[in-house]
C-alpha atoms as a PDB file:
ATOM      1  CA  MET A   1      -8.594 -20.860  12.817  1.00  0.00           C
ATOM      2  CA  LEU A   2      -9.224 -21.906  16.198  1.00  0.00           C
ATOM      3  CA  ALA A   3      -7.298 -25.196  15.644  1.00  0.00           C
ATOM      4  CA  ILE A   4      -4.444 -22.998  14.248  1.00  0.00           C
ATOM      5  CA  LYS A   5      -4.355 -20.788  17.432  1.00  0.00           C
ATOM      6  CA  GLY A   6      -4.300 -24.042  19.905  1.00  0.00           C
ATOM      7  CA  LEU A   7      -1.946 -25.962  17.757  1.00  0.00           C
ATOM      8  CA  GLY A   8       0.467 -22.983  17.516  1.00  0.00           C
ATOM      9  CA  GLN A   9       0.954 -22.680  21.595  1.00  0.00           C
ATOM     10  CA  PHE A  10       2.877 -25.663  21.460  1.00  0.00           C
ATOM     11  CA  ALA A  11       6.550 -25.921  20.861  1.00  0.00           C
ATOM     12  CA  ARG A  12       6.561 -29.273  18.702  1.00  0.00           C
ATOM     13  CA  PHE A  13       4.045 -27.613  16.090  1.00  0.00           C
ATOM     14  CA  GLN A  14       6.686 -25.532  14.742  1.00  0.00           C
ATOM     15  CA  ALA A  15       4.800 -25.061  11.722  1.00  0.00           C
ATOM     16  CA  ALA A  16       1.331 -24.131  13.019  1.00  0.00           C
ATOM     17  CA  SER A  17       3.338 -21.856  15.509  1.00  0.00           C
ATOM     18  CA  ALA A  18       4.818 -20.093  12.747  1.00  0.00           C
ATOM     19  CA  PHE A  19       1.533 -19.628  10.760  1.00  0.00           C
ATOM     20  CA  ARG A  20      -0.180 -18.626  13.730  1.00  0.00           C
ATOM     21  CA  ARG A  21       2.163 -15.748  14.489  1.00  0.00           C
ATOM     22  CA  LEU A  22       2.196 -14.706  10.787  1.00  0.00           C
ATOM     23  CA  ILE A  23      -1.774 -14.214  11.034  1.00  0.00           C
ATOM     24  CA  GLU A  24      -1.772 -12.611  14.591  1.00  0.00           C
ATOM     25  CA  ASN A  25       0.692  -9.935  12.867  1.00  0.00           C
ATOM     26  CA  TRP A  26      -1.798  -9.367   9.780  1.00  0.00           C
ATOM     27  CA  TYR A  27      -3.235  -5.439   9.777  1.00  0.00           C
ATOM     28  CA  VAL A  28      -6.236  -4.899   8.672  1.00  0.00           C
ATOM     29  CA  SER A  29      -7.242  -1.305   8.781  1.00  0.00           C
ATOM     30  CA  ASP A  30     -10.340   0.018   9.668  1.00  0.00           C
ATOM     31  CA  PHE A  31      -9.132   3.892   9.866  1.00  0.00           C
ATOM     32  CA  HIS A  32     -11.609   6.447  11.301  1.00  0.00           C
ATOM     33  CA  ILE A  33     -10.604   9.792  11.181  1.00  0.00           C
ATOM     34  CA  GLN A  34     -12.694  11.352  14.266  1.00  0.00           C
ATOM     35  CA  ALA A  35     -11.041   8.376  16.562  1.00  0.00           C
ATOM     36  CA  ALA A  36      -7.803   9.397  15.385  1.00  0.00           C
ATOM     37  CA  ARG A  37      -8.038  12.908  16.105  1.00  0.00           C
ATOM     38  CA  GLY A  38      -7.722  15.026  19.618  1.00  0.00           C
ATOM     39  CA  SER A  39      -6.144  14.375  23.219  1.00  0.00           C
ATOM     40  CA  LYS A  40      -5.298  10.885  24.139  1.00  0.00           C
ATOM     41  CA  ASP A  41      -4.655   9.499  27.485  1.00  0.00           C
ATOM     42  CA  ILE A  42      -0.815   8.784  27.820  1.00  0.00           C
ATOM     43  CA  THR A  43      -1.128   4.970  28.810  1.00  0.00           C
ATOM     44  CA  GLY A  44      -1.950   2.327  26.514  1.00  0.00           C
ATOM     45  CA  ASP A  45      -1.618   0.743  23.504  1.00  0.00           C
ATOM     46  CA  TYR A  46       1.351   2.323  22.006  1.00  0.00           C
ATOM     47  CA  GLU A  47       3.390  -0.729  20.255  1.00  0.00           C
ATOM     48  CA  HIS A  48       1.682  -0.476  16.743  1.00  0.00           C
ATOM     49  CA  LEU A  49      -1.100   2.038  15.377  1.00  0.00           C
ATOM     50  CA  SER A  50      -4.672   0.409  16.152  1.00  0.00           C
ATOM     51  CA  PRO A  51      -6.798  -0.109  12.892  1.00  0.00           C
ATOM     52  CA  THR A  52      -9.039   2.543  13.956  1.00  0.00           C
ATOM     53  CA  GLY A  53      -6.053   4.929  14.358  1.00  0.00           C
ATOM     54  CA  ASP A  54      -7.355   5.987  17.825  1.00  0.00           C
ATOM     55  CA  ASN A  55      -3.830   5.402  19.500  1.00  0.00           C
ATOM     56  CA  LEU A  56      -2.202   7.714  16.816  1.00  0.00           C
ATOM     57  CA  GLN A  57      -1.036  10.058  19.636  1.00  0.00           C
ATOM     58  CA  ARG A  58       0.645   7.294  21.741  1.00  0.00           C
ATOM     59  CA  VAL A  59       2.674   5.671  18.777  1.00  0.00           C
ATOM     60  CA  ALA A  60       3.663   8.853  17.551  1.00  0.00           C
ATOM     61  CA  TYR A  61       5.038   9.947  21.047  1.00  0.00           C
ATOM     62  CA  ASP A  62       6.388   6.560  21.593  1.00  0.00           C
ATOM     63  CA  ILE A  63       8.358   6.844  18.196  1.00  0.00           C
ATOM     64  CA  TYR A  64       9.712  10.341  18.818  1.00  0.00           C
ATOM     65  CA  GLU A  65      10.684   9.701  22.262  1.00  0.00           C
ATOM     66  CA  HIS A  66      12.467   6.384  21.379  1.00  0.00           C
ATOM     67  CA  ASN A  67      13.603   6.538  17.669  1.00  0.00           C
ATOM     68  CA  ARG A  68      14.007  10.011  16.702  1.00  0.00           C
ATOM     69  CA  GLU A  69      15.787   9.416  13.577  1.00  0.00           C
ATOM     70  CA  LEU A  70      12.795   7.330  12.157  1.00  0.00           C
ATOM     71  CA  PHE A  71      10.454   9.968  13.613  1.00  0.00           C
ATOM     72  CA  ASP A  72      12.404  12.560  11.347  1.00  0.00           C
ATOM     73  CA  GLN A  73      12.261  10.141   8.562  1.00  0.00           C
ATOM     74  CA  ILE A  74       8.431  10.178   9.093  1.00  0.00           C
ATOM     75  CA  VAL A  75       8.315  14.199   8.939  1.00  0.00           C
ATOM     76  CA  ALA A  76      10.833  14.006   6.016  1.00  0.00           C
ATOM     77  CA  ALA A  77       8.165  12.107   3.986  1.00  0.00           C
ATOM     78  CA  MET A  78       5.010  14.096   5.302  1.00  0.00           C
ATOM     79  CA  GLN A  79       7.137  17.610   4.308  1.00  0.00           C
ATOM     80  CA  HIS A  80       7.837  15.625   1.043  1.00  0.00           C
ATOM     81  CA  ARG A  81       4.142  14.329   0.350  1.00  0.00           C
ATOM     82  CA  VAL A  82       2.557  17.179   1.422  1.00  0.00           C
ATOM     83  CA  PRO A  83       3.618  20.537   0.947  1.00  0.00           C
ATOM     84  CA  GLY A  84       3.484  23.105   3.363  1.00  0.00           C
ATOM     85  CA  ILE A  85       4.032  20.992   6.414  1.00  0.00           C
ATOM     86  CA  HIS A  86       7.243  21.971   8.442  1.00  0.00           C
ATOM     87  CA  LYS A  87       7.129  20.283  11.635  1.00  0.00           C
ATOM     88  CA  ILE A  88       5.260  17.690  13.538  1.00  0.00           C
ATOM     89  CA  LYS A  89       5.812  17.011  17.444  1.00  0.00           C
ATOM     90  CA  PRO A  90       3.844  14.735  19.951  1.00  0.00           C
ATOM     91  CA  LYS A  91       3.648  16.956  23.312  1.00  0.00           C
ATOM     92  CA  ALA A  92       2.663  15.648  26.813  1.00  0.00           C
ATOM     93  CA  THR A  93       0.262  17.898  28.867  1.00  0.00           C
ATOM     94  CA  GLU A  94       0.514  18.153  32.377  1.00  0.00           C
ATOM     95  CA  ASP A  95      -3.037  16.542  32.836  1.00  0.00           C
ATOM     96  CA  GLY A  96      -1.057  12.912  31.104  1.00  0.00           C
ATOM     97  CA  ARG A  97      -2.776  13.795  27.534  1.00  0.00           C
ATOM     98  CA  LEU A  98      -1.129  13.684  24.338  1.00  0.00           C
ATOM     99  CA  ILE A  99      -1.532  16.094  21.608  1.00  0.00           C
ATOM    100  CA  LEU A 100       0.121  16.200  18.126  1.00  0.00           C
ATOM    101  CA  HIS A 101       1.532  19.701  16.702  1.00  0.00           C
ATOM    102  CA  PHE A 102       1.557  20.308  13.382  1.00  0.00           C
ATOM    103  CA  GLN A 103       3.302  23.256  12.321  1.00  0.00           C
ATOM    104  CA  ASP A 104       2.783  24.901   8.747  1.00  0.00           C
ATOM    105  CA  ALA A 105       5.406  26.724   7.403  1.00  0.00           C
ATOM    106  CA  ALA A 106       3.703  29.889   6.581  1.00  0.00           C
ATOM    107  CA  PHE A 107       2.335  30.439  10.354  1.00  0.00           C
ATOM    108  CA  ASP A 108       4.358  31.150  13.685  1.00  0.00           C
ATOM    109  CA  LYS A 109       2.416  28.674  16.080  1.00  0.00           C
ATOM    110  CA  PRO A 110       1.608  25.040  15.497  1.00  0.00           C
ATOM    111  CA  PHE A 111      -1.904  23.759  14.865  1.00  0.00           C
ATOM    112  CA  MET A 112      -3.132  20.943  17.329  1.00  0.00           C
ATOM    113  CA  ASP A 113      -4.435  17.751  15.587  1.00  0.00           C
ATOM    114  CA  ARG A 114      -7.881  18.791  15.977  1.00  0.00           C
ATOM    115  CA  HIS A 115      -7.530  21.960  13.696  1.00  0.00           C
ATOM    116  CA  VAL A 116      -5.585  20.187  10.828  1.00  0.00           C
ATOM    117  CA  SER A 117      -7.298  19.044   7.481  1.00  0.00           C
ATOM    118  CA  ASP A 118      -8.744  15.302   7.290  1.00  0.00           C
ATOM    119  CA  GLY A 119      -6.195  14.634   4.589  1.00  0.00           C
ATOM    120  CA  THR A 120      -3.029  15.773   6.884  1.00  0.00           C
ATOM    121  CA  LEU A 121      -3.837  13.855   9.509  1.00  0.00           C
ATOM    122  CA  LYS A 122      -4.888  10.644   7.752  1.00  0.00           C
ATOM    123  CA  MET A 123      -1.486  10.930   5.644  1.00  0.00           C
ATOM    124  CA  PHE A 124       0.443  11.228   8.813  1.00  0.00           C
ATOM    125  CA  ALA A 125      -1.332   8.174  10.385  1.00  0.00           C
ATOM    126  CA  TYR A 126      -0.609   6.097   7.423  1.00  0.00           C
ATOM    127  CA  LEU A 127       3.024   6.969   7.461  1.00  0.00           C
ATOM    128  CA  VAL A 128       3.353   6.593  11.211  1.00  0.00           C
ATOM    129  CA  LEU A 129       1.588   2.741  10.062  1.00  0.00           C
ATOM    130  CA  LEU A 130       4.363   2.328   7.071  1.00  0.00           C
ATOM    131  CA  TYR A 131       7.212   3.483   8.964  1.00  0.00           C
ATOM    132  CA  ASP A 132       6.558   1.011  11.701  1.00  0.00           C
ATOM    133  CA  PRO A 133      10.018  -0.160  13.245  1.00  0.00           C
ATOM    134  CA  ALA A 134       8.358  -3.516  13.555  1.00  0.00           C
ATOM    135  CA  PRO A 135       6.459  -3.799  10.168  1.00  0.00           C
ATOM    136  CA  HIS A 136       3.378  -6.139   9.945  1.00  0.00           C
ATOM    137  CA  PRO A 137       3.785  -8.827   6.956  1.00  0.00           C
ATOM    138  CA  LEU A 138       0.647  -8.154   5.447  1.00  0.00           C
ATOM    139  CA  LEU A 139      -1.493  -4.901   5.634  1.00  0.00           C
ATOM    140  CA  CYS A 140      -5.033  -4.634   4.507  1.00  0.00           C
ATOM    141  CA  VAL A 141      -6.303  -1.110   3.710  1.00  0.00           C
ATOM    142  CA  GLU A 142      -9.542  -0.488   2.413  1.00  0.00           C
ATOM    143  CA  GLU A 143     -10.667   3.029   0.595  1.00  0.00           C
ATOM    144  CA  PRO A 144      -7.599   4.944   1.516  1.00  0.00           C
ATOM    145  CA  GLU A 145      -9.170   7.533  -0.863  1.00  0.00           C
ATOM    146  CA  ASN A 146     -11.427   8.342   1.904  1.00  0.00           C
ATOM    147  CA  GLN A 147     -10.898  11.794   3.144  1.00  0.00           C
ATOM    148  CA  LEU A 148      -7.422  12.240   1.211  1.00  0.00           C
ATOM    149  CA  TYR A 149      -6.920  14.719  -1.799  1.00  0.00           C
ATOM    150  CA  PRO A 150      -6.876  13.058  -4.994  1.00  0.00           C
ATOM    151  CA  GLU A 151      -3.462  14.392  -5.593  1.00  0.00           C
ATOM    152  CA  LEU A 152      -1.942  12.534  -2.415  1.00  0.00           C
ATOM    153  CA  LEU A 153      -3.124   9.353  -3.506  1.00  0.00           C
ATOM    154  CA  TRP A 154      -0.179   9.341  -6.029  1.00  0.00           C
ATOM    155  CA  GLU A 155       2.089   9.960  -3.020  1.00  0.00           C
ATOM    156  CA  LEU A 156       0.316   7.251  -0.661  1.00  0.00           C
ATOM    157  CA  ALA A 157       0.844   4.789  -3.723  1.00  0.00           C
ATOM    158  CA  GLU A 158       4.380   5.392  -3.536  1.00  0.00           C
ATOM    159  CA  GLU A 159       4.547   4.982   0.130  1.00  0.00           C
ATOM    160  CA  PHE A 160       2.562   1.713  -0.141  1.00  0.00           C
ATOM    161  CA  ARG A 161       4.917   0.462  -2.932  1.00  0.00           C
ATOM    162  CA  ALA A 162       8.352   1.631  -0.793  1.00  0.00           C
ATOM    163  CA  TYR A 163       6.608  -0.672   1.880  1.00  0.00           C
ATOM    164  CA  ALA A 164       5.841  -3.742  -0.381  1.00  0.00           C
ATOM    165  CA  LYS A 165       9.889  -3.379  -1.531  1.00  0.00           C
ATOM    166  CA  ARG A 166      10.800  -3.257   1.898  1.00  0.00           C
ATOM    167  CA  GLY A 167       9.711  -6.741   2.516  1.00  0.00           C
ATOM    168  CA  GLY A 168       6.019  -6.643   3.571  1.00  0.00           C
ATOM    169  CA  GLN A 169       2.794  -7.044   1.490  1.00  0.00           C
ATOM    170  CA  VAL A 170       0.005  -4.387   0.640  1.00  0.00           C
ATOM    171  CA  PHE A 171      -3.446  -5.068   0.135  1.00  0.00           C
ATOM    172  CA  VAL A 172      -5.400  -2.337  -1.156  1.00  0.00           C
ATOM    173  CA  SER A 173      -9.331  -2.113  -1.850  1.00  0.00           C
ATOM    174  CA  SER A 174     -10.505   1.112  -3.734  1.00  0.00           C
ATOM    175  CA  HIS A 175     -12.699   2.580  -5.875  1.00  0.00           C
ATOM    176  CA  SER A 176     -10.855   5.621  -7.006  1.00  0.00           C
ATOM    177  CA  PRO A 177      -9.693   6.061 -10.502  1.00  0.00           C
ATOM    178  CA  ASP A 178      -7.126   8.476  -8.867  1.00  0.00           C
ATOM    179  CA  PHE A 179      -5.667   5.558  -7.363  1.00  0.00           C
ATOM    180  CA  LEU A 180      -6.114   2.974  -9.756  1.00  0.00           C
ATOM    181  CA  ASN A 181      -4.140   5.427 -11.857  1.00  0.00           C
ATOM    182  CA  ALA A 182      -1.333   5.580  -9.618  1.00  0.00           C
ATOM    183  CA  ALA A 183      -0.707   1.781 -10.004  1.00  0.00           C
ATOM    184  CA  ALA A 184       1.253  -0.325 -12.117  1.00  0.00           C
ATOM    185  CA  LEU A 185      -0.575  -2.281 -14.593  1.00  0.00           C
ATOM    186  CA  GLU A 186       1.039  -5.484 -12.776  1.00  0.00           C
ATOM    187  CA  GLU A 187      -0.128  -4.229  -9.407  1.00  0.00           C
ATOM    188  CA  VAL A 188      -3.919  -4.058 -10.298  1.00  0.00           C
ATOM    189  CA  TYR A 189      -6.487  -6.984  -9.504  1.00  0.00           C
ATOM    190  CA  TRP A 190     -10.265  -6.599  -9.878  1.00  0.00           C
ATOM    191  CA  LEU A 191     -12.852  -9.054  -8.719  1.00  0.00           C
ATOM    192  CA  VAL A 192     -16.151  -9.825 -10.209  1.00  0.00           C
ATOM    193  CA  LYS A 193     -19.041 -12.016  -8.446  1.00  0.00           C
ATOM    194  CA  GLU A 194     -21.076 -13.484 -10.452  1.00  0.00           C
ATOM    195  CA  GLN A 195     -23.860 -16.315  -8.978  1.00  0.00           C
ATOM    196  CA  GLY A 196     -21.991 -16.424  -5.850  1.00  0.00           C
ATOM    197  CA  GLU A 197     -18.560 -16.878  -6.793  1.00  0.00           C
ATOM    198  CA  THR A 198     -15.833 -14.531  -7.123  1.00  0.00           C
ATOM    199  CA  THR A 199     -13.313 -14.498  -9.641  1.00  0.00           C
ATOM    200  CA  ILE A 200      -9.906 -12.586  -9.338  1.00  0.00           C
ATOM    201  CA  TRP A 201      -8.978 -11.240 -12.741  1.00  0.00           C
ATOM    202  CA  ARG A 202      -5.337  -9.613 -13.195  1.00  0.00           C
ATOM    203  CA  ALA A 203      -5.284  -6.517 -14.966  1.00  0.00           C
ATOM    204  CA  GLN A 204      -1.789  -7.082 -16.675  1.00  0.00           C
ATOM    205  CA  ILE A 205      -3.055 -10.462 -18.261  1.00  0.00           C
ATOM    206  CA  GLU A 206      -6.130  -9.143 -19.638  1.00  0.00           C
ATOM    207  CA  SER A 207      -4.290  -6.418 -21.220  1.00  0.00           C
ATOM    208  CA  ALA A 208      -1.619  -8.340 -22.682  1.00  0.00           C
ATOM    209  CA  HIS A 209      -4.521 -10.402 -23.891  1.00  0.00           C
ATOM    210  CA  ARG A 210      -6.470  -7.581 -25.513  1.00  0.00           C
ATOM    211  CA  HIS A 211      -3.502  -5.708 -27.382  1.00  0.00           C
ATOM    212  CA  ILE A 212      -0.686  -8.695 -28.255  1.00  0.00           C
ATOM    213  CA  ILE A 213      -3.290 -10.955 -29.302  1.00  0.00           C
ATOM    214  CA  GLN A 214      -6.895 -10.016 -30.246  1.00  0.00           C
ATOM    215  CA  GLN A 215      -5.839  -6.924 -31.604  1.00  0.00           C
ATOM    216  CA  ARG A 216      -4.122  -8.992 -34.283  1.00  0.00           C
ATOM    217  CA  LEU A 217      -5.614 -12.161 -34.809  1.00  0.00           C
ATOM    218  CA  LYS A 218      -9.420 -11.444 -34.133  1.00  0.00           C
ATOM    219  CA  ARG A 219      -9.777  -9.420 -37.399  1.00  0.00           C
ATOM    220  CA  SER A 220     -13.391  -9.769 -39.484  1.00  0.00           C
ATOM    221  CA  GLY A 221     -12.867 -12.400 -41.816  1.00  0.00           C
ATOM    222  CA  THR A 222      -9.577 -13.671 -40.739  1.00  0.00           C
ATOM    223  CA  TRP A 223      -8.748 -17.389 -40.342  1.00  0.00           C
ATOM    224  CA  TRP A 224      -5.585 -18.859 -39.140  1.00  0.00           C
ATOM    225  CA  ARG A 225      -4.017 -22.364 -38.902  1.00  0.00           C
ATOM    226  CA  LYS A 226      -2.911 -23.118 -35.703  1.00  0.00           C
ATOM    227  CA  HIS A 227       1.186 -22.947 -36.669  1.00  0.00           C
ATOM    228  CA  ASN A 228       0.932 -19.762 -38.522  1.00  0.00           C
ATOM    229  CA  ALA A 229      -0.769 -17.932 -35.332  1.00  0.00           C
ATOM    230  CA  ASP A 230       1.768 -19.581 -32.963  1.00  0.00           C
ATOM    231  CA  ASN A 231       4.380 -17.758 -35.091  1.00  0.00           C
ATOM    232  CA  LEU A 232       2.742 -14.532 -35.327  1.00  0.00           C
ATOM    233  CA  LEU A 233       2.209 -14.222 -31.655  1.00  0.00           C
ATOM    234  CA  ALA A 234       5.448 -15.168 -31.079  1.00  0.00           C
ATOM    235  CA  LEU A 235       6.866 -12.167 -32.864  1.00  0.00           C
ATOM    236  CA  ARG A 236       4.528  -9.672 -31.268  1.00  0.00           C
ATOM    237  CA  LEU A 237       4.991 -11.010 -27.562  1.00  0.00           C
ATOM    238  CA  ASN A 238       9.119 -10.606 -28.652  1.00  0.00           C
ATOM    239  CA  ARG A 239       7.893  -6.837 -29.569  1.00  0.00           C
ATOM    240  CA  ALA A 240       6.010  -6.433 -26.571  1.00  0.00           C
ATOM    241  CA  ASN A 241       8.919  -7.442 -24.316  1.00  0.00           C
ATOM    242  CA  ARG A 242      11.380  -5.222 -26.052  1.00  0.00           C
ATOM    243  CA  GLN A 243      13.174  -8.236 -27.498  1.00  0.00           C
ATOM    244  CA  TRP A 244      12.578  -7.421 -31.058  1.00  0.00           C
ATOM    245  CA  THR A 245      15.893  -6.419 -32.000  1.00  0.00           C
ATOM    246  CA  ASP A 246      17.865  -8.950 -30.227  1.00  0.00           C
ATOM    247  CA  TYR A 247      15.810 -11.628 -31.946  1.00  0.00           C
ATOM    248  CA  TRP A 248      16.635 -10.538 -35.392  1.00  0.00           C
ATOM    249  CA  LYS A 249      20.187 -10.221 -34.555  1.00  0.00           C
ATOM    250  CA  ASN A 250      20.573 -13.733 -33.184  1.00  0.00           C
ATOM    251  CA  ASP A 251      18.530 -15.005 -36.328  1.00  0.00           C
ATOM    252  CA  ARG A 252      20.815 -13.585 -38.295  1.00  0.00           C
ATOM    253  CA  ARG A 253      23.579 -14.836 -36.812  1.00  0.00           C
ATOM    254  CA  GLU A 254      22.387 -18.271 -37.203  1.00  0.00           C
ATOM    255  CA  ALA A 255      21.874 -17.604 -40.516  1.00  0.00           C
ATOM    256  CA  ALA A 256      25.147 -16.745 -41.318  1.00  0.00           C
END
């Protein structure tokens, strides 16, 4: 890592320089709800949400002041994901501090961020991260289920998926069955550690092996010749890939 950083500072090592910039733009979330709460000094880092979220107010305020259209998109996403949210507004105080006001549709006066629920504040922080005008090429998020209502995990999974479709990559580590249920089969991997070695398994491949191959071929008392087994598996794969009808249409056409 030190070698890459060192070589990346020289213009003639373009590959190392590009790799260095890529690594430096990776984002590893270590969000702490208490660090994100309360008023914050108006001066400080505001370009990107920090890993702990302790500059949430400054980042939101900068987007609100300089990119109102984007901030409105974040609020619209909050309104869609968290029912009851009406408005969110960062506000500068006279003593040079920043606070976040959350307006619930059922109340006349807004709440300061220190009075809103952990789940509401954390969801807003994730949306500020995911709608960053200069997005990170790689996001690593550990256990997003902490402090979030289980039903919000489905909403958050959709936002992660949308971020990936816009060109980023998202790695999420989770122990929540609710978040797992929100993920598509092809998005799920799991890690198994045995004797000091870690193996990565892909759910889609393991599921296909179990339901397409084992379910038909691995039956008590059955014996298969390789040629016959290959032909049968080809037919099962055609059906699993929704190509069954097209296959038989082509077969009849060739026979004619």
